[in-house]
N, C-alpha and C. Protein backbone atom coordinates (compact mmCIF):
# COMPACT_ATOMS: atom_id res chain seq x y z
N UNK A 1 -1.94 141.27 56.46
CA UNK A 1 -0.86 141.20 55.49
C UNK A 1 -1.41 140.57 54.22
N UNK A 2 -1.07 141.15 53.07
CA UNK A 2 -1.55 140.59 51.81
C UNK A 2 -0.72 139.37 51.41
N UNK A 3 -1.19 138.63 50.42
CA UNK A 3 -0.53 137.38 50.01
C UNK A 3 0.89 137.62 49.52
N UNK A 4 1.12 138.71 48.79
CA UNK A 4 2.46 139.00 48.30
C UNK A 4 3.42 139.24 49.45
N UNK A 5 3.00 140.06 50.42
CA UNK A 5 3.83 140.34 51.58
C UNK A 5 4.10 139.09 52.40
N UNK A 6 3.09 138.25 52.55
CA UNK A 6 3.26 137.00 53.30
C UNK A 6 4.25 136.09 52.60
N UNK A 7 4.17 136.00 51.29
CA UNK A 7 5.11 135.17 50.54
C UNK A 7 6.53 135.68 50.64
N UNK A 8 6.67 136.98 50.58
CA UNK A 8 8.00 137.60 50.69
C UNK A 8 8.60 137.34 52.08
N UNK A 9 7.77 137.50 53.11
CA UNK A 9 8.23 137.23 54.48
C UNK A 9 8.62 135.76 54.63
N UNK A 10 7.81 134.87 54.08
CA UNK A 10 8.10 133.43 54.15
C UNK A 10 9.44 133.11 53.51
N UNK A 11 9.70 133.65 52.32
CA UNK A 11 10.96 133.38 51.63
C UNK A 11 12.15 133.92 52.43
N UNK A 12 11.97 135.07 53.06
CA UNK A 12 13.04 135.64 53.89
C UNK A 12 13.31 134.77 55.10
N UNK A 13 12.25 134.37 55.80
CA UNK A 13 12.43 133.53 56.99
C UNK A 13 12.97 132.16 56.62
N UNK A 14 12.52 131.60 55.49
CA UNK A 14 13.04 130.30 55.05
C UNK A 14 14.55 130.36 54.82
N UNK A 15 15.02 131.47 54.27
CA UNK A 15 16.47 131.61 54.04
C UNK A 15 17.22 131.59 55.37
N UNK A 16 16.67 132.24 56.39
CA UNK A 16 17.30 132.22 57.71
C UNK A 16 17.24 130.82 58.33
N UNK A 17 16.10 130.18 58.17
CA UNK A 17 15.93 128.84 58.75
C UNK A 17 16.87 127.82 58.12
N UNK A 18 16.97 127.82 56.82
CA UNK A 18 17.71 126.77 56.12
C UNK A 18 19.22 126.85 56.32
N UNK A 19 19.70 127.96 56.86
CA UNK A 19 21.12 128.12 57.11
C UNK A 19 21.68 126.94 57.90
N UNK A 20 20.94 126.46 58.90
CA UNK A 20 21.47 125.40 59.75
C UNK A 20 21.74 124.10 58.98
N UNK A 21 21.07 123.91 57.88
CA UNK A 21 21.27 122.68 57.13
C UNK A 21 22.46 122.75 56.18
N UNK A 22 22.91 123.97 55.84
CA UNK A 22 23.89 124.10 54.77
C UNK A 22 25.21 124.77 55.16
N UNK A 23 25.33 125.25 56.36
CA UNK A 23 26.58 125.87 56.79
C UNK A 23 27.67 124.82 57.00
N UNK A 24 28.92 125.14 56.67
CA UNK A 24 30.02 124.20 56.95
C UNK A 24 30.09 123.83 58.43
N UNK A 25 29.76 124.80 59.31
CA UNK A 25 29.79 124.51 60.74
C UNK A 25 28.76 123.45 61.11
N UNK A 26 27.60 123.50 60.48
CA UNK A 26 26.57 122.48 60.73
C UNK A 26 27.05 121.13 60.23
N UNK A 27 27.65 121.11 59.04
CA UNK A 27 28.21 119.85 58.53
C UNK A 27 29.22 119.27 59.51
N UNK A 28 30.05 120.14 60.07
CA UNK A 28 31.07 119.67 61.02
C UNK A 28 30.43 119.11 62.28
N UNK A 29 29.44 119.81 62.84
CA UNK A 29 28.78 119.35 64.07
C UNK A 29 28.04 118.04 63.83
N UNK A 30 27.27 117.98 62.75
CA UNK A 30 26.56 116.74 62.44
C UNK A 30 27.55 115.64 62.05
N UNK A 31 28.65 116.05 61.42
CA UNK A 31 29.69 115.09 61.07
C UNK A 31 30.27 114.40 62.29
N UNK A 32 30.36 115.14 63.40
CA UNK A 32 30.83 114.54 64.66
C UNK A 32 29.91 113.40 65.11
N UNK A 33 28.65 113.46 64.68
CA UNK A 33 27.70 112.39 65.00
C UNK A 33 27.73 111.28 63.95
N UNK A 34 28.54 111.49 62.89
CA UNK A 34 28.64 110.49 61.83
C UNK A 34 27.68 110.72 60.67
N UNK A 35 27.05 111.90 60.62
CA UNK A 35 26.06 112.19 59.59
C UNK A 35 26.64 113.07 58.49
N UNK A 36 26.44 112.69 57.22
CA UNK A 36 26.86 113.55 56.12
C UNK A 36 25.79 114.62 55.88
N UNK A 37 26.04 115.55 54.95
CA UNK A 37 25.13 116.69 54.79
C UNK A 37 23.73 116.27 54.34
N UNK A 38 23.60 115.31 53.47
CA UNK A 38 22.27 114.86 53.03
C UNK A 38 21.54 114.18 54.18
N UNK A 39 22.25 113.31 54.88
CA UNK A 39 21.64 112.58 55.98
C UNK A 39 21.26 113.51 57.12
N UNK A 40 22.12 114.48 57.43
CA UNK A 40 21.78 115.37 58.55
C UNK A 40 20.59 116.25 58.23
N UNK A 41 20.34 116.54 56.95
CA UNK A 41 19.14 117.31 56.59
C UNK A 41 17.89 116.53 56.99
N UNK A 42 17.83 115.27 56.56
CA UNK A 42 16.66 114.45 56.90
C UNK A 42 16.57 114.20 58.40
N UNK A 43 17.70 113.92 59.03
CA UNK A 43 17.70 113.67 60.47
C UNK A 43 17.29 114.92 61.24
N UNK A 44 17.80 116.07 60.84
CA UNK A 44 17.47 117.32 61.52
C UNK A 44 16.01 117.70 61.38
N UNK A 45 15.45 117.51 60.20
CA UNK A 45 14.03 117.84 59.99
C UNK A 45 13.13 116.90 60.77
N UNK A 46 13.50 115.63 60.89
CA UNK A 46 12.59 114.64 61.48
C UNK A 46 12.88 114.33 62.94
N UNK A 47 14.04 114.69 63.46
CA UNK A 47 14.40 114.34 64.84
C UNK A 47 13.37 114.79 65.87
N UNK A 48 12.80 115.98 65.76
CA UNK A 48 11.84 116.40 66.78
C UNK A 48 10.59 115.52 66.88
N UNK A 49 10.29 114.75 65.85
CA UNK A 49 9.15 113.83 65.96
C UNK A 49 9.62 112.42 66.29
N UNK A 50 10.93 112.27 66.50
CA UNK A 50 11.47 110.97 66.88
C UNK A 50 11.41 109.94 65.78
N UNK A 51 11.33 110.39 64.54
CA UNK A 51 11.16 109.48 63.42
C UNK A 51 12.41 108.69 63.13
N UNK A 52 12.27 107.38 63.05
CA UNK A 52 13.38 106.55 62.60
C UNK A 52 12.92 105.66 61.45
N UNK A 53 11.76 105.95 60.92
CA UNK A 53 11.22 105.21 59.79
C UNK A 53 11.33 106.07 58.54
N UNK A 54 11.93 105.51 57.50
CA UNK A 54 12.07 106.25 56.24
C UNK A 54 10.70 106.64 55.68
N UNK A 55 9.71 105.78 55.84
CA UNK A 55 8.38 106.11 55.32
C UNK A 55 7.77 107.30 56.05
N UNK A 56 7.97 107.37 57.36
CA UNK A 56 7.44 108.50 58.14
C UNK A 56 8.15 109.79 57.72
N UNK A 57 9.46 109.73 57.59
CA UNK A 57 10.22 110.92 57.19
C UNK A 57 9.83 111.34 55.77
N UNK A 58 9.73 110.41 54.85
CA UNK A 58 9.34 110.74 53.47
C UNK A 58 7.95 111.38 53.44
N UNK A 59 7.05 110.87 54.27
CA UNK A 59 5.69 111.41 54.30
C UNK A 59 5.64 112.82 54.88
N UNK A 60 6.48 113.10 55.87
CA UNK A 60 6.43 114.42 56.50
C UNK A 60 7.22 115.47 55.74
N UNK A 61 8.27 115.06 55.03
CA UNK A 61 9.04 116.01 54.23
C UNK A 61 8.44 116.12 52.83
N UNK A 62 7.91 115.06 52.32
CA UNK A 62 7.00 114.94 51.18
C UNK A 62 7.56 115.01 49.78
N UNK A 63 8.30 116.01 49.36
CA UNK A 63 8.62 116.05 47.93
C UNK A 63 10.00 115.53 47.57
N UNK A 64 10.66 114.86 48.50
CA UNK A 64 11.89 114.16 48.17
C UNK A 64 11.54 112.77 47.68
N UNK A 65 12.35 112.25 46.78
CA UNK A 65 12.16 110.88 46.33
C UNK A 65 12.31 109.97 47.55
N UNK A 66 11.32 109.12 47.83
CA UNK A 66 11.42 108.24 49.01
C UNK A 66 12.69 107.38 49.01
N UNK A 67 13.22 107.02 47.84
CA UNK A 67 14.46 106.23 47.81
C UNK A 67 15.62 107.01 48.42
N UNK A 68 15.63 108.32 48.23
CA UNK A 68 16.66 109.18 48.81
C UNK A 68 16.55 109.16 50.34
N UNK A 69 15.34 109.21 50.83
CA UNK A 69 15.10 109.18 52.27
C UNK A 69 15.50 107.82 52.84
N UNK A 70 15.17 106.74 52.12
CA UNK A 70 15.50 105.38 52.58
C UNK A 70 17.00 105.22 52.75
N UNK A 71 17.79 105.88 51.89
CA UNK A 71 19.25 105.79 52.02
C UNK A 71 19.75 106.52 53.26
N UNK A 72 18.98 107.47 53.77
CA UNK A 72 19.42 108.26 54.92
C UNK A 72 18.81 107.79 56.25
N UNK A 73 17.58 107.36 56.22
CA UNK A 73 16.84 106.98 57.43
C UNK A 73 16.49 105.50 57.29
N UNK A 74 16.63 104.62 58.22
CA UNK A 74 16.98 104.82 59.61
C UNK A 74 18.48 104.78 59.90
N UNK A 75 19.32 104.70 58.86
CA UNK A 75 20.77 104.68 59.11
C UNK A 75 21.19 105.88 59.94
N UNK A 76 20.58 107.04 59.71
CA UNK A 76 20.92 108.23 60.49
C UNK A 76 20.63 108.00 61.97
N UNK A 77 19.54 107.31 62.26
CA UNK A 77 19.18 107.06 63.67
C UNK A 77 20.11 106.05 64.31
N UNK A 78 20.71 105.19 63.50
CA UNK A 78 21.69 104.25 64.05
C UNK A 78 22.98 104.99 64.40
N UNK A 79 23.29 106.04 63.64
CA UNK A 79 24.49 106.83 63.91
C UNK A 79 24.26 107.83 65.04
N UNK A 80 23.09 108.46 65.04
CA UNK A 80 22.79 109.49 66.04
C UNK A 80 21.29 109.46 66.34
N UNK A 81 20.94 109.34 67.59
CA UNK A 81 19.53 109.29 67.97
C UNK A 81 18.86 110.63 67.69
N UNK A 82 17.54 110.63 67.52
CA UNK A 82 16.84 111.91 67.35
C UNK A 82 17.12 112.89 68.49
N UNK A 83 17.30 112.40 69.70
CA UNK A 83 17.62 113.28 70.83
C UNK A 83 18.97 113.96 70.61
N UNK A 84 19.96 113.21 70.17
CA UNK A 84 21.28 113.79 69.91
C UNK A 84 21.22 114.82 68.79
N UNK A 85 20.44 114.53 67.76
CA UNK A 85 20.32 115.46 66.64
C UNK A 85 19.64 116.75 67.07
N UNK A 86 18.60 116.66 67.87
CA UNK A 86 17.91 117.88 68.29
C UNK A 86 18.80 118.73 69.20
N UNK A 87 19.75 118.12 69.88
CA UNK A 87 20.70 118.91 70.70
C UNK A 87 21.60 119.75 69.80
N UNK A 88 21.91 119.24 68.61
CA UNK A 88 22.73 120.01 67.67
C UNK A 88 21.93 121.17 67.13
N UNK A 89 20.66 120.98 66.85
CA UNK A 89 19.82 121.99 66.24
C UNK A 89 19.40 123.10 67.20
N UNK A 90 19.70 122.81 68.23
CA UNK A 90 19.25 123.81 69.22
C UNK A 90 18.25 124.87 68.61
N UNK A 91 2.28 128.94 69.59
CA UNK A 91 1.39 128.31 68.58
C UNK A 91 1.18 126.85 68.97
N UNK A 92 0.64 126.37 69.66
CA UNK A 92 0.50 125.02 70.17
C UNK A 92 -0.47 124.15 69.36
N UNK A 93 -1.39 124.71 68.58
CA UNK A 93 -2.34 123.88 67.84
C UNK A 93 -1.62 123.23 66.67
N UNK A 94 -1.24 121.97 66.85
CA UNK A 94 -0.48 121.25 65.83
C UNK A 94 -1.30 120.13 65.20
N UNK A 95 -2.61 120.19 65.29
CA UNK A 95 -3.44 119.12 64.73
C UNK A 95 -3.07 118.87 63.27
N UNK A 96 -2.70 117.64 62.97
CA UNK A 96 -2.35 117.27 61.61
C UNK A 96 -1.03 117.84 61.14
N UNK A 97 -0.22 118.34 62.02
CA UNK A 97 1.05 118.98 61.66
C UNK A 97 2.18 118.36 62.47
N UNK A 98 2.65 117.18 62.05
CA UNK A 98 3.61 116.44 62.87
C UNK A 98 4.97 117.11 63.04
N UNK A 99 5.52 117.71 62.00
CA UNK A 99 6.82 118.35 62.15
C UNK A 99 6.72 119.57 63.07
N UNK A 100 5.66 120.33 62.93
CA UNK A 100 5.46 121.46 63.82
C UNK A 100 5.31 120.98 65.26
N UNK A 101 4.51 119.96 65.47
CA UNK A 101 4.27 119.45 66.83
C UNK A 101 5.58 118.99 67.47
N UNK A 102 6.41 118.30 66.71
CA UNK A 102 7.68 117.84 67.25
C UNK A 102 8.59 118.99 67.65
N UNK A 103 8.68 119.99 66.81
CA UNK A 103 9.51 121.16 67.13
C UNK A 103 8.91 121.96 68.28
N UNK A 104 7.58 122.03 68.35
CA UNK A 104 6.93 122.78 69.43
C UNK A 104 7.19 122.17 70.79
N UNK A 105 7.49 120.88 70.83
CA UNK A 105 7.78 120.21 72.09
C UNK A 105 9.20 120.48 72.59
N UNK A 106 10.06 120.98 71.74
CA UNK A 106 11.43 121.25 72.16
C UNK A 106 11.46 122.48 73.06
N UNK A 107 12.38 122.51 74.02
CA UNK A 107 12.48 123.71 74.87
C UNK A 107 13.01 124.90 74.06
N UNK A 108 12.55 126.10 74.45
CA UNK A 108 13.04 127.31 73.79
C UNK A 108 14.48 127.54 74.20
N UNK A 109 15.35 127.79 73.23
CA UNK A 109 16.75 128.07 73.57
C UNK A 109 16.90 129.38 74.34
N UNK A 110 17.93 129.45 75.16
CA UNK A 110 18.23 130.67 75.90
C UNK A 110 18.93 131.71 75.03
N UNK A 111 19.74 131.24 74.11
CA UNK A 111 20.48 132.13 73.22
C UNK A 111 19.51 132.82 72.27
N UNK A 112 19.55 134.16 72.16
CA UNK A 112 18.59 134.89 71.31
C UNK A 112 18.60 134.44 69.84
N UNK A 113 19.78 134.18 69.28
CA UNK A 113 19.82 133.74 67.88
C UNK A 113 19.23 132.35 67.72
N UNK A 114 19.53 131.47 68.67
CA UNK A 114 18.96 130.13 68.62
C UNK A 114 17.44 130.19 68.81
N UNK A 115 16.96 131.10 69.67
CA UNK A 115 15.52 131.27 69.88
C UNK A 115 14.85 131.78 68.61
N UNK A 116 15.51 132.70 67.90
CA UNK A 116 14.99 133.18 66.62
C UNK A 116 14.90 132.04 65.63
N UNK A 117 15.95 131.23 65.54
CA UNK A 117 15.93 130.09 64.61
C UNK A 117 14.81 129.13 64.99
N UNK A 118 14.62 128.89 66.27
CA UNK A 118 13.56 127.98 66.73
C UNK A 118 12.18 128.54 66.33
N UNK A 119 11.98 129.84 66.53
CA UNK A 119 10.70 130.46 66.17
C UNK A 119 10.45 130.36 64.67
N UNK A 120 11.48 130.62 63.88
CA UNK A 120 11.35 130.52 62.42
C UNK A 120 11.05 129.07 62.02
N UNK A 121 11.70 128.14 62.69
CA UNK A 121 11.46 126.72 62.40
C UNK A 121 10.01 126.36 62.69
N UNK A 122 9.47 126.83 63.80
CA UNK A 122 8.07 126.55 64.11
C UNK A 122 7.15 127.08 63.00
N UNK A 123 7.40 128.30 62.56
CA UNK A 123 6.58 128.87 61.47
C UNK A 123 6.74 128.07 60.19
N UNK A 124 7.98 127.71 59.87
CA UNK A 124 8.25 126.98 58.63
C UNK A 124 7.56 125.62 58.64
N UNK A 125 7.71 124.90 59.75
CA UNK A 125 7.13 123.55 59.78
C UNK A 125 5.61 123.59 59.87
N UNK A 126 5.05 124.59 60.53
CA UNK A 126 3.60 124.75 60.57
C UNK A 126 3.08 124.97 59.15
N UNK A 127 3.74 125.88 58.44
CA UNK A 127 3.36 126.16 57.04
C UNK A 127 3.57 124.94 56.16
N UNK A 128 4.73 124.29 56.32
CA UNK A 128 5.04 123.13 55.49
C UNK A 128 4.07 121.98 55.71
N UNK A 129 3.74 121.70 56.96
CA UNK A 129 2.76 120.66 57.25
C UNK A 129 1.41 121.02 56.63
N UNK A 130 1.06 122.31 56.67
CA UNK A 130 -0.19 122.77 56.04
C UNK A 130 -0.19 122.55 54.54
N UNK A 131 0.97 122.78 53.92
CA UNK A 131 1.08 122.51 52.48
C UNK A 131 0.79 121.06 52.17
N UNK A 132 1.35 120.17 52.98
CA UNK A 132 1.13 118.74 52.73
C UNK A 132 -0.34 118.39 52.88
N UNK A 133 -0.99 118.94 53.89
CA UNK A 133 -2.43 118.72 54.07
C UNK A 133 -3.19 119.13 52.80
N UNK A 134 -2.88 120.32 52.29
CA UNK A 134 -3.56 120.82 51.09
C UNK A 134 -3.23 119.99 49.85
N UNK A 135 -1.98 119.59 49.72
CA UNK A 135 -1.57 118.80 48.55
C UNK A 135 -2.27 117.44 48.53
N UNK A 136 -2.28 116.78 49.66
CA UNK A 136 -2.93 115.47 49.75
C UNK A 136 -4.43 115.62 49.51
N UNK A 137 -5.04 116.64 50.10
CA UNK A 137 -6.48 116.86 49.93
C UNK A 137 -6.84 117.11 48.47
N UNK A 138 -5.88 117.64 47.70
CA UNK A 138 -6.14 117.91 46.29
C UNK A 138 -5.56 116.86 45.36
N UNK A 139 -5.14 115.74 45.92
CA UNK A 139 -4.72 114.60 45.10
C UNK A 139 -3.38 114.75 44.42
N UNK A 140 -2.48 115.56 44.97
CA UNK A 140 -1.16 115.71 44.38
C UNK A 140 -0.16 114.85 45.14
N UNK A 141 0.58 114.04 44.41
CA UNK A 141 1.63 113.21 45.01
C UNK A 141 2.82 114.08 45.39
N UNK A 142 3.78 113.46 46.06
CA UNK A 142 5.00 114.17 46.43
C UNK A 142 5.71 114.76 45.20
N UNK A 143 5.86 113.95 44.16
CA UNK A 143 6.54 114.42 42.95
C UNK A 143 5.70 115.47 42.23
N UNK A 144 4.40 115.27 42.16
CA UNK A 144 3.54 116.27 41.50
C UNK A 144 3.59 117.61 42.23
N UNK A 145 3.70 117.56 43.55
CA UNK A 145 3.81 118.80 44.33
C UNK A 145 5.09 119.55 43.95
N UNK A 146 6.18 118.81 43.83
CA UNK A 146 7.45 119.44 43.47
C UNK A 146 7.40 120.01 42.06
N UNK A 147 6.79 119.29 41.15
CA UNK A 147 6.67 119.77 39.77
C UNK A 147 5.86 121.07 39.72
N UNK A 148 4.75 121.12 40.44
CA UNK A 148 3.94 122.35 40.43
C UNK A 148 4.70 123.50 41.09
N UNK A 149 5.48 123.21 42.11
CA UNK A 149 6.30 124.25 42.75
C UNK A 149 7.31 124.80 41.75
N UNK A 150 8.00 123.90 41.06
CA UNK A 150 8.99 124.34 40.07
C UNK A 150 8.33 125.11 38.93
N UNK A 151 7.10 124.75 38.60
CA UNK A 151 6.39 125.41 37.49
C UNK A 151 6.07 126.86 37.80
N UNK A 152 6.02 127.23 39.07
CA UNK A 152 5.71 128.62 39.42
C UNK A 152 6.84 129.57 39.03
N UNK A 153 8.07 129.02 38.90
CA UNK A 153 9.21 129.86 38.59
C UNK A 153 9.78 130.56 39.81
N UNK A 154 9.20 130.33 40.97
CA UNK A 154 9.70 130.90 42.23
C UNK A 154 10.54 129.83 42.90
N UNK A 155 11.74 130.18 43.28
CA UNK A 155 12.60 129.17 43.90
C UNK A 155 13.53 128.58 42.88
N UNK A 156 13.54 127.25 42.80
CA UNK A 156 14.51 126.63 41.91
C UNK A 156 13.87 126.11 40.62
N UNK A 157 14.72 125.92 39.62
CA UNK A 157 14.26 125.46 38.31
C UNK A 157 13.82 124.01 38.39
N UNK A 158 13.08 123.57 37.37
CA UNK A 158 12.61 122.18 37.34
C UNK A 158 13.79 121.21 37.37
N UNK A 159 14.84 121.49 36.59
CA UNK A 159 15.98 120.57 36.54
C UNK A 159 16.68 120.51 37.89
N UNK A 160 16.88 121.65 38.53
CA UNK A 160 17.54 121.67 39.83
C UNK A 160 16.67 120.98 40.89
N UNK A 161 15.37 121.26 40.86
CA UNK A 161 14.44 120.62 41.81
C UNK A 161 14.48 119.10 41.65
N UNK A 162 14.47 118.64 40.42
CA UNK A 162 14.49 117.20 40.14
C UNK A 162 15.75 116.57 40.71
N UNK A 163 16.90 117.18 40.42
CA UNK A 163 18.17 116.62 40.91
C UNK A 163 18.29 116.72 42.42
N UNK A 164 17.95 117.88 42.99
CA UNK A 164 18.08 118.08 44.44
C UNK A 164 17.21 117.12 45.23
N UNK A 165 16.01 116.86 44.74
CA UNK A 165 15.07 116.02 45.46
C UNK A 165 15.16 114.54 45.07
N UNK A 166 16.08 114.22 44.15
CA UNK A 166 16.37 112.82 43.85
C UNK A 166 15.45 112.13 42.86
N UNK A 167 14.82 112.88 41.97
CA UNK A 167 13.90 112.29 41.00
C UNK A 167 14.59 112.17 39.64
N UNK A 168 14.38 111.07 38.94
CA UNK A 168 14.96 110.86 37.61
C UNK A 168 14.04 111.48 36.55
N UNK A 169 14.58 111.65 35.35
CA UNK A 169 13.75 112.11 34.22
C UNK A 169 12.64 111.10 33.96
N UNK A 170 12.95 109.81 34.11
CA UNK A 170 11.95 108.76 33.87
C UNK A 170 10.78 108.83 34.85
N UNK A 171 11.01 109.41 36.01
CA UNK A 171 9.92 109.59 36.98
C UNK A 171 9.25 110.96 36.77
N UNK A 172 10.07 111.98 36.54
CA UNK A 172 9.57 113.35 36.42
C UNK A 172 8.66 113.53 35.20
N UNK A 173 9.14 113.08 34.03
CA UNK A 173 8.41 113.36 32.79
C UNK A 173 6.99 112.81 32.78
N UNK A 174 6.76 111.53 33.13
CA UNK A 174 5.37 111.05 33.15
C UNK A 174 4.50 111.78 34.18
N UNK A 175 5.09 112.13 35.31
CA UNK A 175 4.32 112.87 36.32
C UNK A 175 3.93 114.25 35.79
N UNK A 176 4.86 114.92 35.10
CA UNK A 176 4.57 116.23 34.52
C UNK A 176 3.49 116.11 33.44
N UNK A 177 3.60 115.07 32.61
CA UNK A 177 2.58 114.84 31.59
C UNK A 177 1.22 114.56 32.21
N UNK A 178 1.21 113.83 33.33
CA UNK A 178 -0.04 113.56 34.03
C UNK A 178 -0.67 114.84 34.56
N UNK A 179 0.17 115.74 35.09
CA UNK A 179 -0.35 117.02 35.58
C UNK A 179 -0.93 117.85 34.44
N UNK A 180 -0.23 117.83 33.31
CA UNK A 180 -0.72 118.58 32.15
C UNK A 180 -2.06 118.03 31.71
N UNK A 181 -2.17 116.71 31.67
CA UNK A 181 -3.44 116.11 31.23
C UNK A 181 -4.57 116.40 32.22
N UNK A 182 -4.21 116.63 33.48
CA UNK A 182 -5.21 116.99 34.49
C UNK A 182 -5.35 118.51 34.59
N UNK A 183 -4.63 119.26 33.76
CA UNK A 183 -4.69 120.71 33.69
C UNK A 183 -4.19 121.39 34.97
N UNK A 184 -3.20 120.77 35.65
CA UNK A 184 -2.61 121.40 36.83
C UNK A 184 -1.54 122.42 36.44
N UNK A 185 -0.68 122.05 35.47
CA UNK A 185 0.39 122.98 35.11
C UNK A 185 1.08 122.51 33.85
N UNK A 186 1.94 123.38 33.34
CA UNK A 186 2.80 123.03 32.22
C UNK A 186 4.22 123.33 32.68
N UNK A 187 5.12 122.34 32.56
CA UNK A 187 6.48 122.51 33.05
C UNK A 187 7.44 121.72 32.17
N UNK A 188 8.62 122.25 31.96
CA UNK A 188 9.64 121.54 31.20
C UNK A 188 10.25 120.41 32.01
N UNK A 189 10.85 119.46 31.33
CA UNK A 189 11.43 118.31 32.03
C UNK A 189 12.89 118.50 32.29
């Protein structure tokens, strides 16, 4: 498969995967555990690795402002254990890929749609963990990674990315200027 086709497939599968985080039904189910939509996103992504540390969750999810994660974790674990969260959510080489490894340890669902979601999640987290490996190896911080992603024009705009991931203009602008000075990218604030 060529790079264009792989990217297109990834974006399609990501859309299917992310449904569980944004559907009203998911909000209701996670709400029964006491989790709001922002908190259940972080709890759902990190529950398979048993993370109850905001630093661990911020490191594995990577491009969210760590302060945003701190507001959600470990409070989410006090409301609902990672085991309880993985019950709502219903390739073995995971070296250096903690989110993939955690999801790979979960049992395969019997329901075909849930099994499809689980398979897509494994692919997504394997790819996402790989991105973090590459970003760290190339000296890009969490915020710099988000800025370069927004600069591609694929996905969301810089302003939306900044707001969604919890970064202020005072944090974004110097990081963008630093990337420009290092010749990584040019992006609006």
